[in-house]
Every structure is written in structure tokens, then in C-alpha cells.
Amino acid sequence: MLIGGVIAFCVLLLVLAFLLPRFSRHVERGGSGVLGLGQRGAGKAPGKLGKWLAKPFGTSRKAVHKSGSAGRRGRDKSPL
């Protein structure tokens, strides 16, 4: 469920970043904040378990940032 939600959010952010680059930064920060809460919460587990539980949230944050920047980069390169 989490994977599907992150994929849907990344696609939405990619389209939004292409159409409205300035507004997409606010949406990107909001999504990153939510995933950051999950990452910090999972990281409080003891030992290696905390690192393993926090890793999917960190990877998802990286994907959100990549999709937002890719949409803005595509907008910059387009002749519009």
C-alpha cells in the first residue's frame, strides 16, 4: 500500500512540476515532511532494526525529490 501511494504521489508531482513548477515545490516539501516523520519514527527502533525500518522511507523521499526535479527540468527544456 505504501509503495503504491508513493508511486502515485511521484507521478502526480512529476506532472505538477511540469505544469506549475513553483507550486510543485510546496507539494514536494509536504510529501517529504510526511515521509520524514515515518523515517524518524521507524529509526527509533533499537539497533539495526531501526536502520532497516527507516530505509524504505528514505528511499521514498529520494524518489519524491527526483520526480519533482525531473518535472522542473523537463519544463526548463521544453519550448513552452
PDB file of N, CA and C in Angstrom:
ATOM      1  N   MET A   1       0.826  -1.192   0.000  1.00  0.00           N
ATOM      2  CA  MET A   1       0.000   0.000   0.000  1.00  0.00           C
ATOM      3  C   MET A   1       0.869   1.254   0.000  1.00  0.00           C
ATOM      4  N   LEU A   2       1.911   1.242   0.808  1.00  0.00           N
ATOM      5  CA  LEU A   2       2.807   2.385   0.874  1.00  0.00           C
ATOM      6  C   LEU A   2       3.512   2.600  -0.462  1.00  0.00           C
ATOM      7  N   ILE A   3       3.904   1.515  -1.101  1.00  0.00           N
ATOM      8  CA  ILE A   3       4.607   1.624  -2.385  1.00  0.00           C
ATOM      9  C   ILE A   3       3.702   2.237  -3.442  1.00  0.00           C
ATOM     10  N   GLY A   4       2.454   1.790  -3.494  1.00  0.00           N
ATOM     11  CA  GLY A   4       1.504   2.338  -4.456  1.00  0.00           C
ATOM     12  C   GLY A   4       1.228   3.813  -4.207  1.00  0.00           C
ATOM     13  N   GLY A   5       1.133   4.199  -2.953  1.00  0.00           N
ATOM     14  CA  GLY A   5       0.899   5.598  -2.620  1.00  0.00           C
ATOM     15  C   GLY A   5       2.074   6.482  -3.012  1.00  0.00           C
ATOM     16  N   VAL A   6       3.277   5.985  -2.788  1.00  0.00           N
ATOM     17  CA  VAL A   6       4.470   6.766  -3.145  1.00  0.00           C
ATOM     18  C   VAL A   6       4.575   6.893  -4.660  1.00  0.00           C
ATOM     19  N   ILE A   7       4.303   5.828  -5.390  1.00  0.00           N
ATOM     20  CA  ILE A   7       4.351   5.878  -6.854  1.00  0.00           C
ATOM     21  C   ILE A   7       3.318   6.864  -7.383  1.00  0.00           C
ATOM     22  N   ALA A   8       2.102   6.809  -6.852  1.00  0.00           N
ATOM     23  CA  ALA A   8       1.055   7.732  -7.293  1.00  0.00           C
ATOM     24  C   ALA A   8       1.442   9.178  -6.978  1.00  0.00           C
ATOM     25  N   PHE A   9       2.006   9.409  -5.813  1.00  0.00           N
ATOM     26  CA  PHE A   9       2.418  10.755  -5.439  1.00  0.00           C
ATOM     27  C   PHE A   9       3.549  11.255  -6.339  1.00  0.00           C
ATOM     28  N   CYS A  10       4.485  10.374  -6.688  1.00  0.00           N
ATOM     29  CA  CYS A  10       5.587  10.769  -7.565  1.00  0.00           C
ATOM     30  C   CYS A  10       5.094  11.139  -8.956  1.00  0.00           C
ATOM     31  N   VAL A  11       4.139  10.371  -9.482  1.00  0.00           N
ATOM     32  CA  VAL A  11       3.586  10.678 -10.797  1.00  0.00           C
ATOM     33  C   VAL A  11       2.825  12.008 -10.749  1.00  0.00           C
ATOM     34  N   LEU A  12       2.041  12.204  -9.707  1.00  0.00           N
ATOM     35  CA  LEU A  12       1.317  13.462  -9.547  1.00  0.00           C
ATOM     36  C   LEU A  12       2.290  14.635  -9.445  1.00  0.00           C
ATOM     37  N   LEU A  13       3.351  14.463  -8.691  1.00  0.00           N
ATOM     38  CA  LEU A  13       4.345  15.518  -8.525  1.00  0.00           C
ATOM     39  C   LEU A  13       5.084  15.793  -9.827  1.00  0.00           C
ATOM     40  N   LEU A  14       5.368  14.770 -10.604  1.00  0.00           N
ATOM     41  CA  LEU A  14       6.034  14.946 -11.883  1.00  0.00           C
ATOM     42  C   LEU A  14       5.193  15.799 -12.828  1.00  0.00           C
ATOM     43  N   VAL A  15       3.905  15.494 -12.908  1.00  0.00           N
ATOM     44  CA  VAL A  15       3.007  16.264 -13.763  1.00  0.00           C
ATOM     45  C   VAL A  15       2.846  17.682 -13.235  1.00  0.00           C
ATOM     46  N   LEU A  16       2.687  17.802 -11.938  1.00  0.00           N
ATOM     47  CA  LEU A  16       2.524  19.120 -11.328  1.00  0.00           C
ATOM     48  C   LEU A  16       3.781  19.978 -11.505  1.00  0.00           C
ATOM     49  N   ALA A  17       4.958  19.362 -11.381  1.00  0.00           N
ATOM     50  CA  ALA A  17       6.207  20.106 -11.548  1.00  0.00           C
ATOM     51  C   ALA A  17       6.375  20.569 -12.984  1.00  0.00           C
ATOM     52  N   PHE A  18       5.851  19.815 -13.932  1.00  0.00           N
ATOM     53  CA  PHE A  18       5.946  20.237 -15.324  1.00  0.00           C
ATOM     54  C   PHE A  18       4.982  21.379 -15.617  1.00  0.00           C
ATOM     55  N   LEU A  19       3.786  21.310 -15.036  1.00  0.00           N
ATOM     56  CA  LEU A  19       2.780  22.331 -15.316  1.00  0.00           C
ATOM     57  C   LEU A  19       2.936  23.584 -14.460  1.00  0.00           C
ATOM     58  N   LEU A  20       3.188  23.397 -13.171  1.00  0.00           N
ATOM     59  CA  LEU A  20       3.305  24.528 -12.229  1.00  0.00           C
ATOM     60  C   LEU A  20       4.578  24.363 -11.386  1.00  0.00           C
ATOM     61  N   PRO A  21       5.738  24.749 -11.917  1.00  0.00           N
ATOM     62  CA  PRO A  21       6.994  24.472 -11.216  1.00  0.00           C
ATOM     63  C   PRO A  21       7.112  25.116  -9.839  1.00  0.00           C
ATOM     64  N   ARG A  22       6.623  26.329  -9.669  1.00  0.00           N
ATOM     65  CA  ARG A  22       6.751  26.977  -8.363  1.00  0.00           C
ATOM     66  C   ARG A  22       5.870  26.325  -7.309  1.00  0.00           C
ATOM     67  N   PHE A  23       4.658  26.009  -7.680  1.00  0.00           N
ATOM     68  CA  PHE A  23       3.720  25.392  -6.734  1.00  0.00           C
ATOM     69  C   PHE A  23       4.159  23.984  -6.354  1.00  0.00           C
ATOM     70  N   SER A  24       4.848  23.304  -7.271  1.00  0.00           N
ATOM     71  CA  SER A  24       5.239  21.920  -7.004  1.00  0.00           C
ATOM     72  C   SER A  24       6.247  21.816  -5.868  1.00  0.00           C
ATOM     73  N   ARG A  25       7.013  22.869  -5.619  1.00  0.00           N
ATOM     74  CA  ARG A  25       7.980  22.824  -4.519  1.00  0.00           C
ATOM     75  C   ARG A  25       7.273  22.690  -3.169  1.00  0.00           C
ATOM     76  N   HIS A  26       6.134  23.343  -3.007  1.00  0.00           N
ATOM     77  CA  HIS A  26       5.389  23.243  -1.752  1.00  0.00           C
ATOM     78  C   HIS A  26       4.839  21.837  -1.567  1.00  0.00           C
ATOM     79  N   VAL A  27       4.334  21.272  -2.631  1.00  0.00           N
ATOM     80  CA  VAL A  27       3.793  19.905  -2.571  1.00  0.00           C
ATOM     81  C   VAL A  27       4.922  18.916  -2.287  1.00  0.00           C
ATOM     82  N   GLU A  28       6.072  19.129  -2.913  1.00  0.00           N
ATOM     83  CA  GLU A  28       7.224  18.246  -2.691  1.00  0.00           C
ATOM     84  C   GLU A  28       7.683  18.297  -1.241  1.00  0.00           C
ATOM     85  N   ARG A  29       7.744  19.495  -0.666  1.00  0.00           N
ATOM     86  CA  ARG A  29       8.153  19.619   0.736  1.00  0.00           C
ATOM     87  C   ARG A  29       7.149  18.958   1.674  1.00  0.00           C
ATOM     88  N   GLY A  30       5.859  19.074   1.341  1.00  0.00           N
ATOM     89  CA  GLY A  30       4.843  18.431   2.170  1.00  0.00           C
ATOM     90  C   GLY A  30       4.966  16.920   2.156  1.00  0.00           C
ATOM     91  N   GLY A  31       5.165  16.343   0.972  1.00  0.00           N
ATOM     92  CA  GLY A  31       5.340  14.897   0.872  1.00  0.00           C
ATOM     93  C   GLY A  31       6.601  14.433   1.556  1.00  0.00           C
ATOM     94  N   SER A  32       7.665  15.216   1.424  1.00  0.00           N
ATOM     95  CA  SER A  32       8.916  14.866   2.070  1.00  0.00           C
ATOM     96  C   SER A  32       8.789  14.936   3.590  1.00  0.00           C
ATOM     97  N   GLY A  33       8.009  15.886   4.065  1.00  0.00           N
ATOM     98  CA  GLY A  33       7.805  16.001   5.512  1.00  0.00           C
ATOM     99  C   GLY A  33       7.066  14.816   6.091  1.00  0.00           C
ATOM    100  N   VAL A  34       6.055  14.351   5.376  1.00  0.00           N
ATOM    101  CA  VAL A  34       5.298  13.188   5.842  1.00  0.00           C
ATOM    102  C   VAL A  34       6.182  11.946   5.863  1.00  0.00           C
ATOM    103  N   LEU A  35       6.970  11.759   4.804  1.00  0.00           N
ATOM    104  CA  LEU A  35       7.867  10.609   4.770  1.00  0.00           C
ATOM    105  C   LEU A  35       8.977  10.744   5.803  1.00  0.00           C
ATOM    106  N   GLY A  36       9.382  11.975   6.104  1.00  0.00           N
ATOM    107  CA  GLY A  36      10.392  12.195   7.129  1.00  0.00           C
ATOM    108  C   GLY A  36       9.900  11.806   8.510  1.00  0.00           C
ATOM    109  N   LEU A  37       8.622  12.061   8.767  1.00  0.00           N
ATOM    110  CA  LEU A  37       8.042  11.632  10.050  1.00  0.00           C
ATOM    111  C   LEU A  37       8.093  10.116  10.187  1.00  0.00           C
ATOM    112  N   GLY A  38       7.743   9.430   9.102  1.00  0.00           N
ATOM    113  CA  GLY A  38       7.814   7.966   9.125  1.00  0.00           C
ATOM    114  C   GLY A  38       9.230   7.465   9.301  1.00  0.00           C
ATOM    115  N   GLN A  39      10.166   8.129   8.651  1.00  0.00           N
ATOM    116  CA  GLN A  39      11.566   7.728   8.745  1.00  0.00           C
ATOM    117  C   GLN A  39      12.099   7.930  10.156  1.00  0.00           C
ATOM    118  N   ARG A  40      11.768   9.067  10.756  1.00  0.00           N
ATOM    119  CA  ARG A  40      12.241   9.312  12.124  1.00  0.00           C
ATOM    120  C   ARG A  40      11.599   8.352  13.112  1.00  0.00           C
ATOM    121  N   GLY A  41      10.310   8.070  12.910  1.00  0.00           N
ATOM    122  CA  GLY A  41       9.630   7.145  13.814  1.00  0.00           C
ATOM    123  C   GLY A  41      10.184   5.733  13.707  1.00  0.00           C
ATOM    124  N   ALA A  42      10.428   5.286  12.486  1.00  0.00           N
ATOM    125  CA  ALA A  42      10.958   3.940  12.293  1.00  0.00           C
ATOM    126  C   ALA A  42      12.408   3.845  12.749  1.00  0.00           C
ATOM    127  N   GLY A  43      13.137   4.937  12.647  1.00  0.00           N
ATOM    128  CA  GLY A  43      14.533   4.926  13.051  1.00  0.00           C
ATOM    129  C   GLY A  43      14.748   4.821  14.541  1.00  0.00           C
ATOM    130  N   LYS A  44      13.694   4.982  15.314  1.00  0.00           N
ATOM    131  CA  LYS A  44      13.826   4.890  16.772  1.00  0.00           C
ATOM    132  C   LYS A  44      13.800   3.455  17.279  1.00  0.00           C
ATOM    133  N   ALA A  45      13.579   2.510  16.377  1.00  0.00           N
ATOM    134  CA  ALA A  45      13.637   1.101  16.787  1.00  0.00           C
ATOM    135  C   ALA A  45      15.088   0.776  17.158  1.00  0.00           C
ATOM    136  N   PRO A  46      15.287  -0.172  18.050  1.00  0.00           N
ATOM    137  CA  PRO A  46      16.641  -0.437  18.538  1.00  0.00           C
ATOM    138  C   PRO A  46      17.544  -1.117  17.500  1.00  0.00           C
ATOM    139  N   GLY A  47      18.802  -0.706  17.500  1.00  0.00           N
ATOM    140  CA  GLY A  47      19.843  -1.371  16.723  1.00  0.00           C
ATOM    141  C   GLY A  47      19.654  -1.302  15.216  1.00  0.00           C
ATOM    142  N   LYS A  48      20.022  -2.392  14.571  1.00  0.00           N
ATOM    143  CA  LYS A  48      19.937  -2.487  13.109  1.00  0.00           C
ATOM    144  C   LYS A  48      18.496  -2.441  12.625  1.00  0.00           C
ATOM    145  N   LEU A  49      17.571  -2.852  13.447  1.00  0.00           N
ATOM    146  CA  LEU A  49      16.162  -2.856  13.058  1.00  0.00           C
ATOM    147  C   LEU A  49      15.694  -1.442  12.706  1.00  0.00           C
ATOM    148  N   GLY A  50      16.141  -0.459  13.463  1.00  0.00           N
ATOM    149  CA  GLY A  50      15.771   0.918  13.183  1.00  0.00           C
ATOM    150  C   GLY A  50      16.284   1.383  11.833  1.00  0.00           C
ATOM    151  N   LYS A  51      17.499   0.994  11.507  1.00  0.00           N
ATOM    152  CA  LYS A  51      18.076   1.363  10.214  1.00  0.00           C
ATOM    153  C   LYS A  51      17.310   0.684   9.079  1.00  0.00           C
ATOM    154  N   TRP A  52      16.972  -0.579   9.271  1.00  0.00           N
ATOM    155  CA  TRP A  52      16.251  -1.321   8.224  1.00  0.00           C
ATOM    156  C   TRP A  52      14.833  -0.797   8.039  1.00  0.00           C
ATOM    157  N   LEU A  53      14.175  -0.427   9.123  1.00  0.00           N
ATOM    158  CA  LEU A  53      12.802   0.074   9.013  1.00  0.00           C
ATOM    159  C   LEU A  53      12.744   1.488   8.433  1.00  0.00           C
ATOM    160  N   ALA A  54      13.781   2.275   8.644  1.00  0.00           N
ATOM    161  CA  ALA A  54      13.792   3.651   8.147  1.00  0.00           C
ATOM    162  C   ALA A  54      14.191   3.741   6.682  1.00  0.00           C
ATOM    163  N   LYS A  55      14.859   2.707   6.169  1.00  0.00           N
ATOM    164  CA  LYS A  55      15.376   2.768   4.804  1.00  0.00           C
ATOM    165  C   LYS A  55      14.299   2.955   3.736  1.00  0.00           C
ATOM    166  N   PRO A  56      13.156   2.262   3.779  1.00  0.00           N
ATOM    167  CA  PRO A  56      12.136   2.492   2.742  1.00  0.00           C
ATOM    168  C   PRO A  56      11.616   3.926   2.718  1.00  0.00           C
ATOM    169  N   PHE A  57      11.527   4.551   3.865  1.00  0.00           N
ATOM    170  CA  PHE A  57      11.058   5.934   3.910  1.00  0.00           C
ATOM    171  C   PHE A  57      12.094   6.881   3.295  1.00  0.00           C
ATOM    172  N   GLY A  58      13.369   6.620   3.561  1.00  0.00           N
ATOM    173  CA  GLY A  58      14.431   7.438   2.972  1.00  0.00           C
ATOM    174  C   GLY A  58      14.486   7.284   1.458  1.00  0.00           C
ATOM    175  N   THR A  59      14.306   6.061   0.989  1.00  0.00           N
ATOM    176  CA  THR A  59      14.296   5.809  -0.452  1.00  0.00           C
ATOM    177  C   THR A  59      13.096   6.479  -1.101  1.00  0.00           C
ATOM    178  N   SER A  60      11.972   6.482  -0.422  1.00  0.00           N
ATOM    179  CA  SER A  60      10.771   7.132  -0.951  1.00  0.00           C
ATOM    180  C   SER A  60      10.954   8.641  -1.003  1.00  0.00           C
ATOM    181  N   ARG A  61      11.602   9.214  -0.004  1.00  0.00           N
ATOM    182  CA  ARG A  61      11.879  10.665  -0.023  1.00  0.00           C
ATOM    183  C   ARG A  61      12.771  11.014  -1.206  1.00  0.00           C
ATOM    184  N   LYS A  62      13.758  10.160  -1.461  1.00  0.00           N
ATOM    185  CA  LYS A  62      14.654  10.395  -2.588  1.00  0.00           C
ATOM    186  C   LYS A  62      13.883  10.336  -3.913  1.00  0.00           C
ATOM    187  N   ALA A  63      12.935   9.404  -4.022  1.00  0.00           N
ATOM    188  CA  ALA A  63      12.128   9.290  -5.244  1.00  0.00           C
ATOM    189  C   ALA A  63      11.233  10.509  -5.432  1.00  0.00           C
ATOM    190  N   VAL A  64      10.683  11.034  -4.350  1.00  0.00           N
ATOM    191  CA  VAL A  64       9.838  12.223  -4.435  1.00  0.00           C
ATOM    192  C   VAL A  64      10.662  13.415  -4.925  1.00  0.00           C
ATOM    193  N   HIS A  65      11.862  13.579  -4.401  1.00  0.00           N
ATOM    194  CA  HIS A  65      12.720  14.688  -4.831  1.00  0.00           C
ATOM    195  C   HIS A  65      13.137  14.526  -6.289  1.00  0.00           C
ATOM    196  N   LYS A  66      13.427  13.292  -6.693  1.00  0.00           N
ATOM    197  CA  LYS A  66      13.840  13.057  -8.074  1.00  0.00           C
ATOM    198  C   LYS A  66      12.713  13.347  -9.056  1.00  0.00           C
ATOM    199  N   SER A  67      11.489  12.943  -8.733  1.00  0.00           N
ATOM    200  CA  SER A  67      10.382  13.169  -9.660  1.00  0.00           C
ATOM    201  C   SER A  67      10.046  14.654  -9.762  1.00  0.00           C
ATOM    202  N   GLY A  68      10.134  15.373  -8.661  1.00  0.00           N
ATOM    203  CA  GLY A  68       9.885  16.812  -8.710  1.00  0.00           C
ATOM    204  C   GLY A  68      10.932  17.542  -9.522  1.00  0.00           C
ATOM    205  N   SER A  69      12.186  17.196  -9.315  1.00  0.00           N
ATOM    206  CA  SER A  69      13.243  17.872 -10.068  1.00  0.00           C
ATOM    207  C   SER A  69      13.220  17.477 -11.536  1.00  0.00           C
ATOM    208  N   ALA A  70      12.831  16.241 -11.841  1.00  0.00           N
ATOM    209  CA  ALA A  70      12.740  15.811 -13.240  1.00  0.00           C
ATOM    210  C   ALA A  70      11.636  16.570 -13.970  1.00  0.00           C
ATOM    211  N   GLY A  71      10.524  16.814 -13.319  1.00  0.00           N
ATOM    212  CA  GLY A  71       9.445  17.585 -13.934  1.00  0.00           C
ATOM    213  C   GLY A  71       9.849  19.022 -14.192  1.00  0.00           C
ATOM    214  N   ARG A  72      10.549  19.617 -13.237  1.00  0.00           N
ATOM    215  CA  ARG A  72      11.003  21.002 -13.429  1.00  0.00           C
ATOM    216  C   ARG A  72      12.089  21.085 -14.501  1.00  0.00           C
ATOM    217  N   ARG A  73      12.972  20.080 -14.548  1.00  0.00           N
ATOM    218  CA  ARG A  73      13.998  20.037 -15.597  1.00  0.00           C
ATOM    219  C   ARG A  73      13.364  19.882 -16.979  1.00  0.00           C
ATOM    220  N   GLY A  74      12.338  19.039 -17.070  1.00  0.00           N
ATOM    221  CA  GLY A  74      11.627  18.869 -18.343  1.00  0.00           C
ATOM    222  C   GLY A  74      10.942  20.150 -18.773  1.00  0.00           C
ATOM    223  N   ARG A  75      10.417  20.872 -17.833  1.00  0.00           N
ATOM    224  CA  ARG A  75       9.767  22.152 -18.138  1.00  0.00           C
ATOM    225  C   ARG A  75      10.802  23.157 -18.652  1.00  0.00           C
ATOM    226  N   ASP A  76      11.982  23.153 -18.036  1.00  0.00           N
ATOM    227  CA  ASP A  76      13.029  24.076 -18.476  1.00  0.00           C
ATOM    228  C   ASP A  76      13.476  23.787 -19.912  1.00  0.00           C
ATOM    229  N   LYS A  77      13.513  22.515 -20.276  1.00  0.00           N
ATOM    230  CA  LYS A  77      13.978  22.143 -21.599  1.00  0.00           C
ATOM    231  C   LYS A  77      12.914  22.260 -22.674  1.00  0.00           C
ATOM    232  N   SER A  78      11.651  22.337 -22.286  1.00  0.00           N
ATOM    233  CA  SER A  78      10.581  22.404 -23.272  1.00  0.00           C
ATOM    234  C   SER A  78      10.501  23.792 -23.907  1.00  0.00           C
ATOM    235  N   PRO A  79      10.024  23.878 -25.126  1.00  0.00           N
ATOM    236  CA  PRO A  79       9.978  25.179 -25.798  1.00  0.00           C
ATOM    237  C   PRO A  79       8.802  26.049 -25.378  1.00  0.00           C
ATOM    238  N   LEU A  80       8.058  25.649 -24.363  1.00  0.00           N
ATOM    239  CA  LEU A  80       6.879  26.421 -23.930  1.00  0.00           C
ATOM    240  C   LEU A  80       7.253  27.676 -23.206  1.00  0.00           C
TER     241      LEU A  80
END
